[in-house]
């Protein structure tokens, strides 16, 4: 078994209201920053033992599907690297 770190990045799908990002965007604009858009994301780093990177990715994907993300309103990405 090898230890892997799976990084799961979760963000709202385009078109879903993102009040946290909108509040932050307005604050940045008040500070003089010009930007077209801002999206809030959450990032989870999960250390797990697996036989190979594919197994680690499959397990992390299942974690995202079952708990870390709501597939109805979220998009997510999984990246795996040896720890």
C-alpha atoms as a PDB file:
ATOM      1  CA  UNK A   1       0.000   0.000   0.000  1.00  0.00           C
ATOM      2  CA  UNK A   2       1.109   3.534  -0.759  1.00  0.00           C
ATOM      3  CA  UNK A   3      -0.104   6.730   0.877  1.00  0.00           C
ATOM      4  CA  UNK A   4      -1.677   9.232  -1.513  1.00  0.00           C
ATOM      5  CA  UNK A   5      -3.030  12.717  -1.071  1.00  0.00           C
ATOM      6  CA  UNK A   6      -6.271  13.262  -2.947  1.00  0.00           C
ATOM      7  CA  UNK A   7      -7.209  16.885  -3.496  1.00  0.00           C
ATOM      8  CA  UNK A   8     -10.919  17.433  -4.077  1.00  0.00           C
ATOM      9  CA  UNK A   9     -11.881  20.904  -5.313  1.00  0.00           C
ATOM     10  CA  UNK A  10     -15.586  21.712  -5.050  1.00  0.00           C
ATOM     11  CA  UNK A  11     -17.281  24.731  -6.634  1.00  0.00           C
ATOM     12  CA  UNK A  12     -20.802  25.780  -7.457  1.00  0.00           C
ATOM     13  CA  UNK A  13     -21.920  25.112 -11.019  1.00  0.00           C
ATOM     14  CA  UNK A  14     -22.214  28.113 -13.297  1.00  0.00           C
ATOM     15  CA  UNK A  15     -25.613  29.727 -12.880  1.00  0.00           C
ATOM     16  CA  UNK A  16     -26.007  28.726  -9.224  1.00  0.00           C
ATOM     17  CA  UNK A  17     -26.133  31.756  -6.934  1.00  0.00           C
ATOM     18  CA  UNK A  18     -22.877  32.228  -5.034  1.00  0.00           C
ATOM     19  CA  UNK A  19     -23.577  34.825  -2.317  1.00  0.00           C
ATOM     20  CA  UNK A  20     -20.191  34.413  -0.632  1.00  0.00           C
ATOM     21  CA  UNK A  21     -18.347  35.127  -3.871  1.00  0.00           C
ATOM     22  CA  UNK A  22     -20.618  38.077  -4.682  1.00  0.00           C
ATOM     23  CA  UNK A  23     -19.986  39.654  -1.260  1.00  0.00           C
ATOM     24  CA  UNK A  24     -16.235  39.174  -1.653  1.00  0.00           C
ATOM     25  CA  UNK A  25     -16.308  40.510  -5.223  1.00  0.00           C
ATOM     26  CA  UNK A  26     -18.072  43.700  -4.116  1.00  0.00           C
ATOM     27  CA  UNK A  27     -15.555  44.159  -1.288  1.00  0.00           C
ATOM     28  CA  UNK A  28     -12.627  43.741  -3.695  1.00  0.00           C
ATOM     29  CA  UNK A  29     -14.183  46.265  -6.074  1.00  0.00           C
ATOM     30  CA  UNK A  30     -14.561  48.761  -3.201  1.00  0.00           C
ATOM     31  CA  UNK A  31     -10.844  48.294  -2.572  1.00  0.00           C
ATOM     32  CA  UNK A  32     -10.151  49.292  -6.170  1.00  0.00           C
ATOM     33  CA  UNK A  33      -9.680  45.871  -7.771  1.00  0.00           C
ATOM     34  CA  UNK A  34     -11.325  45.341 -11.153  1.00  0.00           C
ATOM     35  CA  UNK A  35     -12.550  41.834 -11.892  1.00  0.00           C
ATOM     36  CA  UNK A  36     -15.101  40.224 -14.162  1.00  0.00           C
ATOM     37  CA  UNK A  37     -16.143  37.374 -11.895  1.00  0.00           C
ATOM     38  CA  UNK A  38     -15.245  35.556  -8.711  1.00  0.00           C
ATOM     39  CA  UNK A  39     -16.162  32.025  -7.636  1.00  0.00           C
ATOM     40  CA  UNK A  40     -15.885  30.503  -4.187  1.00  0.00           C
ATOM     41  CA  UNK A  41     -14.294  27.055  -4.016  1.00  0.00           C
ATOM     42  CA  UNK A  42     -13.646  24.577  -1.252  1.00  0.00           C
ATOM     43  CA  UNK A  43     -10.610  22.329  -1.306  1.00  0.00           C
ATOM     44  CA  UNK A  44     -10.277  19.117   0.671  1.00  0.00           C
ATOM     45  CA  UNK A  45      -7.017  17.220   1.019  1.00  0.00           C
ATOM     46  CA  UNK A  46      -7.481  13.587   1.988  1.00  0.00           C
ATOM     47  CA  UNK A  47      -4.567  11.305   2.851  1.00  0.00           C
ATOM     48  CA  UNK A  48      -5.358   7.657   2.183  1.00  0.00           C
ATOM     49  CA  UNK A  49      -3.637   4.353   1.601  1.00  0.00           C
ATOM     50  CA  UNK A  50      -4.352   2.623  -1.687  1.00  0.00           C
ATOM     51  CA  UNK A  51      -2.832   0.006  -3.944  1.00  0.00           C
ATOM     52  CA  UNK A  52      -2.307   2.565  -6.721  1.00  0.00           C
ATOM     53  CA  UNK A  53      -3.238   6.091  -7.814  1.00  0.00           C
ATOM     54  CA  UNK A  54      -6.307   4.882  -9.729  1.00  0.00           C
ATOM     55  CA  UNK A  55      -7.745   3.268  -6.602  1.00  0.00           C
ATOM     56  CA  UNK A  56      -7.033   6.411  -4.575  1.00  0.00           C
ATOM     57  CA  UNK A  57      -8.773   8.543  -7.205  1.00  0.00           C
ATOM     58  CA  UNK A  58     -11.785   6.212  -7.301  1.00  0.00           C
ATOM     59  CA  UNK A  59     -12.146   6.366  -3.517  1.00  0.00           C
ATOM     60  CA  UNK A  60     -11.780  10.159  -3.442  1.00  0.00           C
ATOM     61  CA  UNK A  61     -14.339  10.474  -6.242  1.00  0.00           C
ATOM     62  CA  UNK A  62     -16.775   8.379  -4.213  1.00  0.00           C
ATOM     63  CA  UNK A  63     -16.178  10.624  -1.178  1.00  0.00           C
ATOM     64  CA  UNK A  64     -16.972  13.665  -3.303  1.00  0.00           C
ATOM     65  CA  UNK A  65     -20.119  12.101  -4.771  1.00  0.00           C
ATOM     66  CA  UNK A  66     -21.431  10.898  -1.413  1.00  0.00           C
ATOM     67  CA  UNK A  67     -20.523  13.777   0.915  1.00  0.00           C
ATOM     68  CA  UNK A  68     -18.068  16.482  -0.124  1.00  0.00           C
ATOM     69  CA  UNK A  69     -20.112  17.782  -3.067  1.00  0.00           C
ATOM     70  CA  UNK A  70     -23.754  17.927  -4.008  1.00  0.00           C
ATOM     71  CA  UNK A  71     -23.657  16.883  -7.686  1.00  0.00           C
ATOM     72  CA  UNK A  72     -26.911  18.766  -8.325  1.00  0.00           C
ATOM     73  CA  UNK A  73     -25.316  22.161  -7.608  1.00  0.00           C
ATOM     74  CA  UNK A  74     -21.564  21.480  -7.479  1.00  0.00           C
ATOM     75  CA  UNK A  75     -18.834  20.612  -9.937  1.00  0.00           C
ATOM     76  CA  UNK A  76     -15.759  18.959  -8.484  1.00  0.00           C
ATOM     77  CA  UNK A  77     -12.319  17.822  -9.525  1.00  0.00           C
ATOM     78  CA  UNK A  78     -10.129  15.128  -8.004  1.00  0.00           C
ATOM     79  CA  UNK A  79      -6.348  15.128  -8.277  1.00  0.00           C
ATOM     80  CA  UNK A  80      -4.147  12.446  -6.714  1.00  0.00           C
ATOM     81  CA  UNK A  81      -0.438  12.452  -5.903  1.00  0.00           C
ATOM     82  CA  UNK A  82       1.805  10.295  -3.761  1.00  0.00           C
ATOM     83  CA  UNK A  83       2.086  11.773  -0.272  1.00  0.00           C
END
